[in-house]
Amino acid sequence: MTRPSLNDLASFAAIANHRSFRKAAEIMGVSRSALSHAMIGLEKTLGVRLLNRTTRSVSLTEAGARLLAHLGPVLQDLDTALDSLSDARGTPSGTLRINANKSGAAILLRDVIPPFLAHHPEVEIDLVSEGRLVDIVEQGFNAGVRLTEAVPQDMVAVRFGGDVRFIAVASPDYLERHDPPTAPDDLHAHRCIRQRLPSGKRYRWEFSRHGAEVIVDVPGTLTLDDNDLLVDAAARGLGIAYVPEGFARTLLDSGLLVTVLEDWCPPSPGLALYYPRNRHVPSTLRAFIDTLKAINRN
């Protein structure tokens, strides 16, 4: 039997892991049609169907599942071997893929990526910003960035950017028309601007004081899915919003917003870059972590 090319096998693994030709094509840097032709050729070479395809979904056949189970460790070992060459050269090179939420991506782009690329010009950073928490291993990322409390327990977390504080804010005009809340339960008598999470669920506001924690499923007639929009809506007098302090800081300083329930909003651990605990750490990621830690120390 003719041996398939390594590139075709890697393409199959990408499709199988993502269950998507589109996502796999983006990762491999080729068109979907080229990827489709490659899979037809691979199945012809192996003499067995690997993928079940419909217009809406991709799934593995039994043979495809067996191949993927054996292929995953082989490709990982190959990545490790190739990465060792970077160690031998003493110069990290290749692509570093990071999945981050919006605020994390902004901080990396502002503080970390410029000095990193200046010192490591042979590294290409692929930074994907999205709200939903993804499986970074399954999606082909080297690392992720989320709030520390959201990092999966089987990951190594490297904190950066300091603590974060969620605060409840409203416009002075709104508070002239409504008595300010003095405890979280008072929010049930207010118009609150609710937030839709990337998972589709509405976020329940979390408060704490002197060790007591209160979670409130607030009422409201407006639900948004972006912190900037929440801040803007609050500034327009549409209700009380609950957002990370950094998003509201400019409007707080200008007096267009004020805080409520101030003593119920303590700081909590902020962002963390995280990566798999039991997998080889590529030299590109090690170098990025070193840059991140150096900036944190300054």
C-alpha atoms as a PDB file:
ATOM      1  CA  MET A   1       0.000   0.000   0.000  1.00  0.00           C
ATOM      2  CA  THR A   2       1.253   3.467  -0.890  1.00  0.00           C
ATOM      3  CA  ARG A   3       2.010   5.476   2.222  1.00  0.00           C
ATOM      4  CA  PRO A   4      -0.043   8.670   2.583  1.00  0.00           C
ATOM      5  CA  SER A   5       1.743  11.969   2.995  1.00  0.00           C
ATOM      6  CA  LEU A   6       2.296  13.391   6.461  1.00  0.00           C
ATOM      7  CA  ASN A   7       0.503  16.563   5.423  1.00  0.00           C
ATOM      8  CA  ASP A   8      -2.625  14.598   4.452  1.00  0.00           C
ATOM      9  CA  LEU A   9      -2.570  12.767   7.783  1.00  0.00           C
ATOM     10  CA  ALA A  10      -2.184  16.051   9.675  1.00  0.00           C
ATOM     11  CA  SER A  11      -5.074  17.491   7.668  1.00  0.00           C
ATOM     12  CA  PHE A  12      -7.240  14.496   8.545  1.00  0.00           C
ATOM     13  CA  ALA A  13      -6.407  14.938  12.242  1.00  0.00           C
ATOM     14  CA  ALA A  14      -7.356  18.617  12.070  1.00  0.00           C
ATOM     15  CA  ILE A  15     -10.713  17.813  10.446  1.00  0.00           C
ATOM     16  CA  ALA A  16     -11.380  14.989  12.894  1.00  0.00           C
ATOM     17  CA  ASN A  17     -10.548  17.069  15.964  1.00  0.00           C
ATOM     18  CA  HIS A  18     -12.621  20.055  14.885  1.00  0.00           C
ATOM     19  CA  ARG A  19     -15.385  18.122  13.109  1.00  0.00           C
ATOM     20  CA  SER A  20     -15.202  20.890  10.524  1.00  0.00           C
ATOM     21  CA  PHE A  21     -13.552  21.319   7.142  1.00  0.00           C
ATOM     22  CA  ARG A  22     -13.753  25.109   7.510  1.00  0.00           C
ATOM     23  CA  LYS A  23     -11.893  25.269  10.831  1.00  0.00           C
ATOM     24  CA  ALA A  24      -9.343  22.703   9.684  1.00  0.00           C
ATOM     25  CA  ALA A  25      -8.719  24.657   6.476  1.00  0.00           C
ATOM     26  CA  GLU A  26      -8.086  27.811   8.505  1.00  0.00           C
ATOM     27  CA  ILE A  27      -5.571  26.010  10.715  1.00  0.00           C
ATOM     28  CA  MET A  28      -3.805  24.306   7.799  1.00  0.00           C
ATOM     29  CA  GLY A  29      -3.763  27.471   5.712  1.00  0.00           C
ATOM     30  CA  VAL A  30      -5.481  25.935   2.683  1.00  0.00           C
ATOM     31  CA  SER A  31      -8.883  26.199   1.008  1.00  0.00           C
ATOM     32  CA  ARG A  32     -11.765  23.917   1.959  1.00  0.00           C
ATOM     33  CA  SER A  33     -11.876  22.522  -1.558  1.00  0.00           C
ATOM     34  CA  ALA A  34      -8.181  21.635  -1.408  1.00  0.00           C
ATOM     35  CA  LEU A  35      -8.741  19.936   1.929  1.00  0.00           C
ATOM     36  CA  SER A  36     -11.724  18.009   0.570  1.00  0.00           C
ATOM     37  CA  HIS A  37      -9.697  16.751  -2.388  1.00  0.00           C
ATOM     38  CA  ALA A  38      -6.866  15.765  -0.043  1.00  0.00           C
ATOM     39  CA  MET A  39      -9.269  13.685   2.083  1.00  0.00           C
ATOM     40  CA  ILE A  40     -10.701  11.979  -0.996  1.00  0.00           C
ATOM     41  CA  GLY A  41      -7.166  11.098  -2.026  1.00  0.00           C
ATOM     42  CA  LEU A  42      -6.273   9.889   1.474  1.00  0.00           C
ATOM     43  CA  GLU A  43      -9.302   7.610   1.658  1.00  0.00           C
ATOM     44  CA  LYS A  44      -8.507   6.259  -1.803  1.00  0.00           C
ATOM     45  CA  THR A  45      -4.897   5.587  -0.802  1.00  0.00           C
ATOM     46  CA  LEU A  46      -5.931   3.797   2.402  1.00  0.00           C
ATOM     47  CA  GLY A  47      -8.843   2.018   0.766  1.00  0.00           C
ATOM     48  CA  VAL A  48     -11.272   2.886   3.574  1.00  0.00           C
ATOM     49  CA  ARG A  49     -13.695   5.689   4.384  1.00  0.00           C
ATOM     50  CA  LEU A  50     -12.521   7.843   7.276  1.00  0.00           C
ATOM     51  CA  LEU A  51     -15.154  10.564   7.422  1.00  0.00           C
ATOM     52  CA  ASN A  52     -18.902  10.755   7.125  1.00  0.00           C
ATOM     53  CA  ARG A  53     -19.773  14.056   5.460  1.00  0.00           C
ATOM     54  CA  THR A  54     -23.064  15.893   5.140  1.00  0.00           C
ATOM     55  CA  THR A  55     -23.772  19.499   4.221  1.00  0.00           C
ATOM     56  CA  ARG A  56     -24.027  20.310   7.930  1.00  0.00           C
ATOM     57  CA  SER A  57     -21.720  17.970   9.801  1.00  0.00           C
ATOM     58  CA  VAL A  58     -18.587  15.861   9.763  1.00  0.00           C
ATOM     59  CA  SER A  59     -18.188  12.690  11.823  1.00  0.00           C
ATOM     60  CA  LEU A  60     -15.688   9.859  12.040  1.00  0.00           C
ATOM     61  CA  THR A  61     -16.250   6.377  10.752  1.00  0.00           C
ATOM     62  CA  GLU A  62     -15.054   3.505  12.926  1.00  0.00           C
ATOM     63  CA  ALA A  63     -11.895   3.295  10.827  1.00  0.00           C
ATOM     64  CA  GLY A  64     -11.397   7.072  11.112  1.00  0.00           C
ATOM     65  CA  ALA A  65     -11.713   6.920  14.899  1.00  0.00           C
ATOM     66  CA  ARG A  66      -9.108   4.147  15.084  1.00  0.00           C
ATOM     67  CA  LEU A  67      -6.711   6.088  12.870  1.00  0.00           C
ATOM     68  CA  LEU A  68      -7.130   9.268  14.911  1.00  0.00           C
ATOM     69  CA  ALA A  69      -6.486   7.423  18.185  1.00  0.00           C
ATOM     70  CA  HIS A  70      -3.113   6.226  16.890  1.00  0.00           C
ATOM     71  CA  LEU A  71      -2.296   9.353  14.919  1.00  0.00           C
ATOM     72  CA  GLY A  72      -2.687  11.880  17.743  1.00  0.00           C
ATOM     73  CA  PRO A  73       0.320  10.754  19.819  1.00  0.00           C
ATOM     74  CA  VAL A  74       2.424  10.365  16.664  1.00  0.00           C
ATOM     75  CA  LEU A  75       1.763  13.935  15.554  1.00  0.00           C
ATOM     76  CA  GLN A  76       2.393  15.186  19.087  1.00  0.00           C
ATOM     77  CA  ASP A  77       5.734  13.364  19.174  1.00  0.00           C
ATOM     78  CA  LEU A  78       6.587  14.870  15.794  1.00  0.00           C
ATOM     79  CA  ASP A  79       5.788  18.372  17.057  1.00  0.00           C
ATOM     80  CA  THR A  80       8.031  17.702  20.057  1.00  0.00           C
ATOM     81  CA  ALA A  81      10.860  16.501  17.833  1.00  0.00           C
ATOM     82  CA  LEU A  82      10.608  19.504  15.530  1.00  0.00           C
ATOM     83  CA  ASP A  83      10.401  21.868  18.472  1.00  0.00           C
ATOM     84  CA  SER A  84      13.617  20.402  19.857  1.00  0.00           C
ATOM     85  CA  LEU A  85      15.357  21.845  16.809  1.00  0.00           C
ATOM     86  CA  SER A  86      14.332  25.305  17.984  1.00  0.00           C
ATOM     87  CA  ASP A  87      15.907  24.489  21.334  1.00  0.00           C
ATOM     88  CA  ALA A  88      19.077  23.378  19.577  1.00  0.00           C
ATOM     89  CA  ARG A  89      19.208  26.629  17.597  1.00  0.00           C
ATOM     90  CA  GLY A  90      18.429  28.592  20.722  1.00  0.00           C
ATOM     91  CA  THR A  91      15.840  30.575  18.748  1.00  0.00           C
ATOM     92  CA  PRO A  92      12.108  29.849  19.069  1.00  0.00           C
ATOM     93  CA  SER A  93      10.342  29.716  15.726  1.00  0.00           C
ATOM     94  CA  GLY A  94       6.997  28.661  14.318  1.00  0.00           C
ATOM     95  CA  THR A  95       3.397  29.563  15.103  1.00  0.00           C
ATOM     96  CA  LEU A  96       2.047  30.176  18.612  1.00  0.00           C
ATOM     97  CA  ARG A  97      -1.777  29.906  18.734  1.00  0.00           C
ATOM     98  CA  ILE A  98      -3.551  31.562  21.674  1.00  0.00           C
ATOM     99  CA  ASN A  99      -7.287  31.701  22.378  1.00  0.00           C
ATOM    100  CA  ALA A 100      -8.297  34.623  24.608  1.00  0.00           C
ATOM    101  CA  ASN A 101     -11.317  36.581  25.752  1.00  0.00           C
ATOM    102  CA  LYS A 102     -11.605  40.180  24.561  1.00  0.00           C
ATOM    103  CA  SER A 103     -10.003  41.843  27.577  1.00  0.00           C
ATOM    104  CA  GLY A 104      -7.192  39.291  27.725  1.00  0.00           C
ATOM    105  CA  ALA A 105      -6.411  39.717  24.039  1.00  0.00           C
ATOM    106  CA  ALA A 106      -6.314  43.499  24.487  1.00  0.00           C
ATOM    107  CA  ILE A 107      -3.826  43.287  27.374  1.00  0.00           C
ATOM    108  CA  LEU A 108      -1.581  40.844  25.502  1.00  0.00           C
ATOM    109  CA  LEU A 109      -1.661  43.025  22.403  1.00  0.00           C
ATOM    110  CA  ARG A 110      -0.837  46.125  24.410  1.00  0.00           C
ATOM    111  CA  ASP A 111       1.772  44.863  26.884  1.00  0.00           C
ATOM    112  CA  VAL A 112       3.177  41.465  25.908  1.00  0.00           C
ATOM    113  CA  ILE A 113       3.092  40.810  22.180  1.00  0.00           C
ATOM    114  CA  PRO A 114       5.118  43.879  21.046  1.00  0.00           C
ATOM    115  CA  PRO A 115       8.208  43.106  23.187  1.00  0.00           C
ATOM    116  CA  PHE A 116       7.852  39.377  22.510  1.00  0.00           C
ATOM    117  CA  LEU A 117       7.863  39.791  18.726  1.00  0.00           C
ATOM    118  CA  ALA A 118      10.707  42.280  18.962  1.00  0.00           C
ATOM    119  CA  HIS A 119      12.860  39.630  20.678  1.00  0.00           C
ATOM    120  CA  HIS A 120      11.525  36.630  18.724  1.00  0.00           C
ATOM    121  CA  PRO A 121      11.034  37.699  15.097  1.00  0.00           C
ATOM    122  CA  GLU A 122      10.854  34.086  13.858  1.00  0.00           C
ATOM    123  CA  VAL A 123       7.649  33.412  15.819  1.00  0.00           C
ATOM    124  CA  GLU A 124       4.211  34.040  14.326  1.00  0.00           C
ATOM    125  CA  ILE A 125       1.399  34.662  16.819  1.00  0.00           C
ATOM    126  CA  ASP A 126      -2.133  33.590  15.912  1.00  0.00           C
ATOM    127  CA  LEU A 127      -4.338  35.292  18.529  1.00  0.00           C
ATOM    128  CA  VAL A 128      -8.034  34.367  18.417  1.00  0.00           C
ATOM    129  CA  SER A 129     -10.411  36.483  20.490  1.00  0.00           C
ATOM    130  CA  GLU A 130     -13.757  34.982  21.499  1.00  0.00           C
ATOM    131  CA  GLY A 131     -16.015  34.987  24.516  1.00  0.00           C
ATOM    132  CA  ARG A 132     -16.821  31.300  24.868  1.00  0.00           C
ATOM    133  CA  LEU A 133     -14.515  28.997  26.794  1.00  0.00           C
ATOM    134  CA  VAL A 134     -13.133  26.423  24.367  1.00  0.00           C
ATOM    135  CA  ASP A 135     -11.146  23.211  24.735  1.00  0.00           C
ATOM    136  CA  ILE A 136      -7.768  24.578  23.665  1.00  0.00           C
ATOM    137  CA  VAL A 137      -6.315  21.107  23.048  1.00  0.00           C
ATOM    138  CA  GLU A 138      -9.199  19.982  20.879  1.00  0.00           C
ATOM    139  CA  GLN A 139      -9.235  23.283  18.999  1.00  0.00           C
ATOM    140  CA  GLY A 140      -5.503  23.208  18.283  1.00  0.00           C
ATOM    141  CA  PHE A 141      -4.357  26.095  20.505  1.00  0.00           C
ATOM    142  CA  ASN A 142      -1.100  26.155  22.438  1.00  0.00           C
ATOM    143  CA  ALA A 143      -2.577  28.263  25.232  1.00  0.00           C
ATOM    144  CA  GLY A 144      -5.691  30.109  26.359  1.00  0.00           C
ATOM    145  CA  VAL A 145      -6.452  33.239  28.371  1.00  0.00           C
ATOM    146  CA  ARG A 146      -9.449  33.553  30.689  1.00  0.00           C
ATOM    147  CA  LEU A 147     -10.273  34.733  34.200  1.00  0.00           C
ATOM    148  CA  THR A 148      -8.302  32.620  36.665  1.00  0.00           C
ATOM    149  CA  GLU A 149     -11.454  31.171  38.229  1.00  0.00           C
ATOM    150  CA  ALA A 150     -12.561  29.865  34.804  1.00  0.00           C
ATOM    151  CA  VAL A 151      -9.326  28.010  34.003  1.00  0.00           C
ATOM    152  CA  PRO A 152      -9.878  24.219  33.899  1.00  0.00           C
ATOM    153  CA  GLN A 153      -8.265  22.442  36.853  1.00  0.00           C
ATOM    154  CA  ASP A 154      -6.101  20.194  34.685  1.00  0.00           C
ATOM    155  CA  MET A 155      -4.284  23.217  33.225  1.00  0.00           C
ATOM    156  CA  VAL A 156      -1.210  25.160  34.341  1.00  0.00           C
ATOM    157  CA  ALA A 157      -2.200  28.802  34.950  1.00  0.00           C
ATOM    158  CA  VAL A 158       0.125  31.818  34.810  1.00  0.00           C
ATOM    159  CA  ARG A 159      -1.597  34.895  36.233  1.00  0.00           C
ATOM    160  CA  PHE A 160      -1.003  38.330  34.766  1.00  0.00           C
ATOM    161  CA  GLY A 161      -2.510  41.805  34.690  1.00  0.00           C
ATOM    162  CA  GLY A 162      -3.355  41.998  38.404  1.00  0.00           C
ATOM    163  CA  ASP A 163      -6.697  41.507  40.118  1.00  0.00           C
ATOM    164  CA  VAL A 164     -10.004  42.328  38.455  1.00  0.00           C
ATOM    165  CA  ARG A 165     -13.024  43.910  40.097  1.00  0.00           C
ATOM    166  CA  PHE A 166     -16.614  43.624  38.898  1.00  0.00           C
ATOM    167  CA  ILE A 167     -18.706  46.636  39.861  1.00  0.00           C
ATOM    168  CA  ALA A 168     -22.340  47.705  39.637  1.00  0.00           C
ATOM    169  CA  VAL A 169     -22.723  51.062  37.877  1.00  0.00           C
ATOM    170  CA  ALA A 170     -25.545  53.405  36.937  1.00  0.00           C
ATOM    171  CA  SER A 171     -25.961  56.950  35.651  1.00  0.00           C
ATOM    172  CA  PRO A 172     -26.628  59.813  38.083  1.00  0.00           C
ATOM    173  CA  ASP A 173     -29.879  60.430  36.209  1.00  0.00           C
ATOM    174  CA  TYR A 174     -31.062  56.873  36.837  1.00  0.00           C
ATOM    175  CA  LEU A 175     -30.226  57.114  40.544  1.00  0.00           C
ATOM    176  CA  GLU A 176     -32.159  60.380  40.819  1.00  0.00           C
ATOM    177  CA  ARG A 177     -35.241  58.492  39.663  1.00  0.00           C
ATOM    178  CA  HIS A 178     -34.635  55.330  41.734  1.00  0.00           C
ATOM    179  CA  ASP A 179     -33.398  54.837  45.292  1.00  0.00           C
ATOM    180  CA  PRO A 180     -29.851  53.422  45.127  1.00  0.00           C
ATOM    181  CA  PRO A 181     -29.619  49.780  46.275  1.00  0.00           C
ATOM    182  CA  THR A 182     -27.898  49.239  49.604  1.00  0.00           C
ATOM    183  CA  ALA A 183     -27.767  45.414  49.422  1.00  0.00           C
ATOM    184  CA  PRO A 184     -27.748  42.971  46.502  1.00  0.00           C
ATOM    185  CA  ASP A 185     -31.336  41.864  47.152  1.00  0.00           C
ATOM    186  CA  ASP A 186     -32.464  45.473  46.531  1.00  0.00           C
ATOM    187  CA  LEU A 187     -31.662  44.910  42.847  1.00  0.00           C
ATOM    188  CA  HIS A 188     -34.947  43.028  42.483  1.00  0.00           C
ATOM    189  CA  ALA A 189     -36.684  46.419  42.668  1.00  0.00           C
ATOM    190  CA  HIS A 190     -34.497  47.928  39.918  1.00  0.00           C
ATOM    191  CA  ARG A 191     -34.147  47.859  36.163  1.00  0.00           C
ATOM    192  CA  CYS A 192     -30.929  45.931  35.552  1.00  0.00           C
ATOM    193  CA  ILE A 193     -29.087  45.554  32.263  1.00  0.00           C
ATOM    194  CA  ARG A 194     -28.477  41.838  32.047  1.00  0.00           C
ATOM    195  CA  GLN A 195     -25.634  40.086  30.232  1.00  0.00           C
ATOM    196  CA  ARG A 196     -25.897  37.144  27.870  1.00  0.00           C
ATOM    197  CA  LEU A 197     -22.877  34.830  28.173  1.00  0.00           C
ATOM    198  CA  PRO A 198     -21.317  33.195  25.097  1.00  0.00           C
ATOM    199  CA  SER A 199     -22.848  29.899  26.270  1.00  0.00           C
ATOM    200  CA  GLY A 200     -26.285  31.465  25.796  1.00  0.00           C
ATOM    201  CA  LYS A 201     -27.054  31.652  29.514  1.00  0.00           C
ATOM    202  CA  ARG A 202     -27.712  34.929  31.292  1.00  0.00           C
ATOM    203  CA  TYR A 203     -25.053  35.909  33.811  1.00  0.00           C
ATOM    204  CA  ARG A 204     -26.144  35.958  37.458  1.00  0.00           C
ATOM    205  CA  TRP A 205     -24.483  38.785  39.378  1.00  0.00           C
ATOM    206  CA  GLU A 206     -22.079  37.676  42.124  1.00  0.00           C
ATOM    207  CA  PHE A 207     -21.384  39.773  45.222  1.00  0.00           C
ATOM    208  CA  SER A 208     -19.479  39.163  48.453  1.00  0.00           C
ATOM    209  CA  ARG A 209     -18.798  40.979  51.722  1.00  0.00           C
ATOM    210  CA  HIS A 210     -17.137  39.816  54.939  1.00  0.00           C
ATOM    211  CA  GLY A 211     -17.108  36.233  53.653  1.00  0.00           C
ATOM    212  CA  ALA A 212     -20.795  36.233  52.710  1.00  0.00           C
ATOM    213  CA  GLU A 213     -21.550  35.529  49.054  1.00  0.00           C
ATOM    214  CA  VAL A 214     -24.765  36.514  47.292  1.00  0.00           C
ATOM    215  CA  ILE A 215     -25.764  35.538  43.748  1.00  0.00           C
ATOM    216  CA  VAL A 216     -28.642  37.479  42.203  1.00  0.00           C
ATOM    217  CA  ASP A 217     -30.581  36.615  39.053  1.00  0.00           C
ATOM    218  CA  VAL A 218     -31.418  40.254  38.417  1.00  0.00           C
ATOM    219  CA  PRO A 219     -34.556  41.468  36.652  1.00  0.00           C
ATOM    220  CA  GLY A 220     -34.451  43.689  33.593  1.00  0.00           C
ATOM    221  CA  THR A 221     -35.922  44.489  30.197  1.00  0.00           C
ATOM    222  CA  LEU A 222     -32.602  44.729  28.335  1.00  0.00           C
ATOM    223  CA  THR A 223     -30.024  41.980  27.813  1.00  0.00           C
ATOM    224  CA  LEU A 224     -26.703  42.579  26.022  1.00  0.00           C
ATOM    225  CA  ASP A 225     -23.673  40.421  25.253  1.00  0.00           C
ATOM    226  CA  ASP A 226     -20.786  42.914  25.334  1.00  0.00           C
ATOM    227  CA  ASN A 227     -19.246  44.840  28.246  1.00  0.00           C
ATOM    228  CA  ASP A 228     -18.782  48.026  26.224  1.00  0.00           C
ATOM    229  CA  LEU A 229     -22.464  47.960  25.289  1.00  0.00           C
ATOM    230  CA  LEU A 230     -23.437  47.347  28.923  1.00  0.00           C
ATOM    231  CA  VAL A 231     -21.452  50.384  30.024  1.00  0.00           C
ATOM    232  CA  ASP A 232     -22.946  52.534  27.276  1.00  0.00           C
ATOM    233  CA  ALA A 233     -26.487  51.451  28.151  1.00  0.00           C
ATOM    234  CA  ALA A 234     -25.926  52.257  31.823  1.00  0.00           C
ATOM    235  CA  ALA A 235     -24.544  55.709  30.926  1.00  0.00           C
ATOM    236  CA  ARG A 236     -27.745  56.343  28.949  1.00  0.00           C
ATOM    237  CA  GLY A 237     -29.810  55.794  32.085  1.00  0.00           C
ATOM    238  CA  LEU A 238     -31.287  52.459  31.030  1.00  0.00           C
ATOM    239  CA  GLY A 239     -30.529  50.750  34.338  1.00  0.00           C
ATOM    240  CA  ILE A 240     -27.776  49.261  36.497  1.00  0.00           C
ATOM    241  CA  ALA A 241     -25.007  47.266  34.809  1.00  0.00           C
ATOM    242  CA  TYR A 242     -22.458  44.886  36.319  1.00  0.00           C
ATOM    243  CA  VAL A 243     -19.106  45.002  34.508  1.00  0.00           C
ATOM    244  CA  PRO A 244     -15.332  44.725  35.016  1.00  0.00           C
ATOM    245  CA  GLU A 245     -14.142  48.044  36.435  1.00  0.00           C
ATOM    246  CA  GLY A 246     -11.746  48.690  33.573  1.00  0.00           C
ATOM    247  CA  PHE A 247     -14.586  48.918  31.050  1.00  0.00           C
ATOM    248  CA  ALA A 248     -16.331  51.641  33.077  1.00  0.00           C
ATOM    249  CA  ARG A 249     -13.314  53.588  34.342  1.00  0.00           C
ATOM    250  CA  THR A 250     -13.403  56.407  31.770  1.00  0.00           C
ATOM    251  CA  LEU A 251     -17.101  57.141  32.340  1.00  0.00           C
ATOM    252  CA  LEU A 252     -16.672  56.870  36.115  1.00  0.00           C
ATOM    253  CA  ASP A 253     -13.867  59.431  36.017  1.00  0.00           C
ATOM    254  CA  SER A 254     -16.001  61.772  33.902  1.00  0.00           C
ATOM    255  CA  GLY A 255     -18.997  61.458  36.232  1.00  0.00           C
ATOM    256  CA  LEU A 256     -21.269  59.899  33.611  1.00  0.00           C
ATOM    257  CA  LEU A 257     -21.430  56.759  35.754  1.00  0.00           C
ATOM    258  CA  VAL A 258     -21.299  56.139  39.501  1.00  0.00           C
ATOM    259  CA  THR A 259     -20.915  52.910  41.456  1.00  0.00           C
ATOM    260  CA  VAL A 260     -23.514  51.313  43.697  1.00  0.00           C
ATOM    261  CA  LEU A 261     -23.061  48.475  46.197  1.00  0.00           C
ATOM    262  CA  GLU A 262     -19.417  49.505  46.422  1.00  0.00           C
ATOM    263  CA  ASP A 263     -18.685  47.456  49.577  1.00  0.00           C
ATOM    264  CA  TRP A 264     -20.167  44.324  47.945  1.00  0.00           C
ATOM    265  CA  CYS A 265     -17.657  44.380  45.063  1.00  0.00           C
ATOM    266  CA  PRO A 266     -14.206  43.216  46.235  1.00  0.00           C
ATOM    267  CA  PRO A 267     -11.385  42.420  43.789  1.00  0.00           C
ATOM    268  CA  SER A 268     -10.847  38.838  42.629  1.00  0.00           C
ATOM    269  CA  PRO A 269      -8.011  37.029  40.810  1.00  0.00           C
ATOM    270  CA  GLY A 270      -7.711  38.399  37.299  1.00  0.00           C
ATOM    271  CA  LEU A 271      -6.572  36.872  34.040  1.00  0.00           C
ATOM    272  CA  ALA A 272      -4.357  33.855  33.530  1.00  0.00           C
ATOM    273  CA  LEU A 273      -2.645  32.325  30.547  1.00  0.00           C
ATOM    274  CA  TYR A 274      -3.098  28.568  30.738  1.00  0.00           C
ATOM    275  CA  TYR A 275      -1.839  25.475  28.926  1.00  0.00           C
ATOM    276  CA  PRO A 276      -2.066  21.660  29.276  1.00  0.00           C
ATOM    277  CA  ARG A 277      -0.259  20.262  32.285  1.00  0.00           C
ATOM    278  CA  ASN A 278       0.863  16.924  30.843  1.00  0.00           C
ATOM    279  CA  ARG A 279       1.875  17.913  27.328  1.00  0.00           C
ATOM    280  CA  HIS A 280       5.150  19.098  25.840  1.00  0.00           C
ATOM    281  CA  VAL A 281       5.494  22.878  26.116  1.00  0.00           C
ATOM    282  CA  PRO A 282       6.847  24.220  22.816  1.00  0.00           C
ATOM    283  CA  SER A 283       9.741  26.656  22.909  1.00  0.00           C
ATOM    284  CA  THR A 284       7.529  29.396  21.464  1.00  0.00           C
ATOM    285  CA  LEU A 285       5.143  29.120  24.415  1.00  0.00           C
ATOM    286  CA  ARG A 286       7.982  28.900  26.947  1.00  0.00           C
ATOM    287  CA  ALA A 287       9.452  32.097  25.531  1.00  0.00           C
ATOM    288  CA  PHE A 288       6.048  33.801  25.619  1.00  0.00           C
ATOM    289  CA  ILE A 289       5.544  32.808  29.260  1.00  0.00           C
ATOM    290  CA  ASP A 290       9.002  34.148  30.124  1.00  0.00           C
ATOM    291  CA  THR A 291       8.077  37.491  28.526  1.00  0.00           C
ATOM    292  CA  LEU A 292       4.762  37.534  30.383  1.00  0.00           C
ATOM    293  CA  LYS A 293       6.438  36.851  33.737  1.00  0.00           C
ATOM    294  CA  ALA A 294       9.107  39.493  33.133  1.00  0.00           C
ATOM    295  CA  ILE A 295       6.454  42.115  32.431  1.00  0.00           C
ATOM    296  CA  ASN A 296       4.532  41.089  35.564  1.00  0.00           C
ATOM    297  CA  ARG A 297       7.625  41.608  37.695  1.00  0.00           C
ATOM    298  CA  ASN A 298       8.107  45.164  36.415  1.00  0.00           C
END
